């Protein structure tokens, strides 16, 4: 954090809050799997033809 040369010092509590916030942004593995499955379902062949819905 020292290399960032911020005007005000950052406290440990602020760092923990920021890390907690970033963890909340990180999607769950099951969410990623569901998104991948929905995306792949768009390209399932129907009667030998690939349709993009």
N, C-alpha and C. Protein backbone atom coordinates (compact mmCIF):
# COMPACT_ATOMS: atom_id res chain seq x y z
N UNK A 1 0.82 -1.19 0.00
CA UNK A 1 0.00 0.00 0.00
C UNK A 1 0.87 1.26 0.00
N UNK A 2 2.07 1.14 0.48
CA UNK A 2 2.94 2.31 0.50
C UNK A 2 3.30 2.76 -0.91
N UNK A 3 3.44 1.83 -1.83
CA UNK A 3 3.83 2.19 -3.19
C UNK A 3 2.73 2.92 -3.93
N UNK A 4 1.50 2.82 -3.45
CA UNK A 4 0.40 3.51 -4.11
C UNK A 4 0.49 5.01 -3.92
N UNK A 5 1.24 5.46 -2.92
CA UNK A 5 1.44 6.88 -2.62
C UNK A 5 0.11 7.62 -2.47
N UNK A 6 -0.76 7.04 -1.67
CA UNK A 6 -2.04 7.66 -1.41
C UNK A 6 -1.85 8.82 -0.44
N UNK A 7 -2.70 9.83 -0.58
CA UNK A 7 -2.58 11.02 0.26
C UNK A 7 -2.85 10.69 1.73
N UNK A 8 -3.83 9.84 1.99
CA UNK A 8 -4.19 9.49 3.36
C UNK A 8 -3.82 8.03 3.63
N UNK A 9 -3.36 7.74 4.83
CA UNK A 9 -3.05 6.34 5.15
C UNK A 9 -4.31 5.49 5.18
N UNK A 10 -4.16 4.24 4.78
CA UNK A 10 -5.29 3.31 4.77
C UNK A 10 -5.17 2.43 6.01
N UNK A 11 -6.26 2.32 6.74
CA UNK A 11 -6.25 1.51 7.96
C UNK A 11 -6.49 0.04 7.63
N UNK A 12 -6.13 -0.80 8.59
CA UNK A 12 -6.38 -2.24 8.42
C UNK A 12 -7.88 -2.51 8.27
N UNK A 13 -8.70 -1.77 8.99
CA UNK A 13 -10.16 -1.95 8.89
C UNK A 13 -10.65 -1.63 7.49
N UNK A 14 -10.11 -0.58 6.88
CA UNK A 14 -10.51 -0.23 5.52
C UNK A 14 -10.09 -1.31 4.53
N UNK A 15 -8.92 -1.88 4.74
CA UNK A 15 -8.46 -2.97 3.86
C UNK A 15 -9.37 -4.18 4.00
N UNK A 16 -9.75 -4.52 5.25
CA UNK A 16 -10.65 -5.66 5.47
C UNK A 16 -12.01 -5.40 4.83
N UNK A 17 -12.52 -4.17 4.93
CA UNK A 17 -13.79 -3.84 4.30
C UNK A 17 -13.70 -3.99 2.78
N UNK A 18 -12.61 -3.52 2.20
CA UNK A 18 -12.43 -3.61 0.75
C UNK A 18 -12.33 -5.07 0.31
N UNK A 19 -11.61 -5.88 1.07
CA UNK A 19 -11.48 -7.30 0.72
C UNK A 19 -12.82 -8.01 0.84
N UNK A 20 -13.61 -7.67 1.86
CA UNK A 20 -14.93 -8.26 2.00
C UNK A 20 -15.83 -7.89 0.84
N UNK A 21 -15.74 -6.64 0.41
CA UNK A 21 -16.53 -6.18 -0.74
C UNK A 21 -16.14 -6.94 -2.00
N UNK A 22 -14.84 -7.11 -2.22
CA UNK A 22 -14.38 -7.83 -3.41
C UNK A 22 -14.81 -9.29 -3.37
N UNK A 23 -14.84 -9.90 -2.17
CA UNK A 23 -15.31 -11.28 -2.07
C UNK A 23 -16.78 -11.38 -2.45
N UNK A 24 -17.56 -10.36 -2.10
CA UNK A 24 -18.99 -10.36 -2.45
C UNK A 24 -19.17 -10.29 -3.96
N UNK A 25 -18.25 -9.63 -4.66
CA UNK A 25 -18.34 -9.51 -6.11
C UNK A 25 -17.97 -10.81 -6.81
N UNK A 26 -17.19 -11.64 -6.15
CA UNK A 26 -16.72 -12.89 -6.74
C UNK A 26 -17.88 -13.86 -6.84
N UNK A 27 -18.23 -14.32 -8.05
CA UNK A 27 -19.37 -15.23 -8.19
C UNK A 27 -19.08 -16.62 -7.64
N UNK A 28 -20.12 -17.29 -7.21
CA UNK A 28 -19.99 -18.67 -6.73
C UNK A 28 -19.74 -19.59 -7.92
N UNK A 29 -19.11 -20.73 -7.65
CA UNK A 29 -18.84 -21.71 -8.69
C UNK A 29 -20.15 -22.20 -9.30
N UNK A 30 -21.17 -22.38 -8.48
CA UNK A 30 -22.45 -22.86 -9.00
C UNK A 30 -23.08 -21.82 -9.93
N UNK A 31 -22.93 -20.53 -9.61
CA UNK A 31 -23.44 -19.48 -10.49
C UNK A 31 -22.74 -19.50 -11.85
N UNK A 32 -21.41 -19.69 -11.82
CA UNK A 32 -20.66 -19.76 -13.07
C UNK A 32 -21.07 -20.98 -13.89
N UNK A 33 -21.29 -22.10 -13.21
CA UNK A 33 -21.70 -23.32 -13.91
C UNK A 33 -23.07 -23.14 -14.55
N UNK A 34 -24.01 -22.52 -13.82
CA UNK A 34 -25.34 -22.28 -14.36
C UNK A 34 -25.29 -21.35 -15.57
N UNK A 35 -24.46 -20.32 -15.50
CA UNK A 35 -24.31 -19.41 -16.64
C UNK A 35 -23.74 -20.14 -17.84
N UNK A 36 -22.72 -20.97 -17.61
CA UNK A 36 -22.12 -21.73 -18.70
C UNK A 36 -23.13 -22.68 -19.32
N UNK A 37 -23.93 -23.33 -18.49
CA UNK A 37 -24.94 -24.26 -19.00
C UNK A 37 -25.98 -23.54 -19.83
N UNK A 38 -26.46 -22.38 -19.36
CA UNK A 38 -27.44 -21.61 -20.12
C UNK A 38 -26.86 -21.16 -21.46
N UNK A 39 -25.58 -20.76 -21.46
CA UNK A 39 -24.93 -20.33 -22.70
C UNK A 39 -24.80 -21.51 -23.66
N UNK A 40 -24.35 -22.65 -23.15
CA UNK A 40 -24.18 -23.82 -24.00
C UNK A 40 -25.51 -24.31 -24.55
N UNK A 41 -26.57 -24.16 -23.78
CA UNK A 41 -27.90 -24.57 -24.24
C UNK A 41 -28.34 -23.80 -25.47
N UNK A 42 -27.79 -22.61 -25.67
CA UNK A 42 -28.14 -21.81 -26.85
C UNK A 42 -27.64 -22.47 -28.13
N UNK A 43 -26.67 -23.35 -28.01
CA UNK A 43 -26.04 -23.94 -29.19
C UNK A 43 -26.30 -25.44 -29.32
N UNK A 44 -27.34 -25.93 -28.65
CA UNK A 44 -27.67 -27.35 -28.78
C UNK A 44 -28.26 -27.62 -30.16
N UNK A 45 -27.83 -28.70 -30.80
CA UNK A 45 -28.38 -29.01 -32.12
C UNK A 45 -29.83 -29.50 -32.02
N UNK A 46 -30.63 -29.07 -32.98
CA UNK A 46 -32.01 -29.55 -33.09
C UNK A 46 -32.15 -30.19 -34.47
N UNK A 47 -32.39 -31.48 -34.50
CA UNK A 47 -32.49 -32.23 -35.75
C UNK A 47 -31.25 -32.04 -36.62
N UNK A 48 -30.08 -32.06 -35.98
CA UNK A 48 -28.84 -31.95 -36.73
C UNK A 48 -28.48 -30.54 -37.14
N UNK A 49 -29.30 -29.56 -36.77
CA UNK A 49 -29.03 -28.16 -37.14
C UNK A 49 -28.75 -27.37 -35.86
N UNK A 50 -27.70 -26.58 -35.89
CA UNK A 50 -27.37 -25.73 -34.74
C UNK A 50 -28.11 -24.41 -34.88
N UNK A 51 -28.95 -24.10 -33.90
CA UNK A 51 -29.71 -22.85 -33.91
C UNK A 51 -29.18 -21.94 -32.81
N UNK A 52 -29.09 -20.68 -33.11
CA UNK A 52 -28.77 -19.69 -32.10
C UNK A 52 -30.07 -19.01 -31.71
N UNK A 53 -30.50 -19.23 -30.50
CA UNK A 53 -31.79 -18.69 -30.04
C UNK A 53 -31.68 -17.22 -29.75
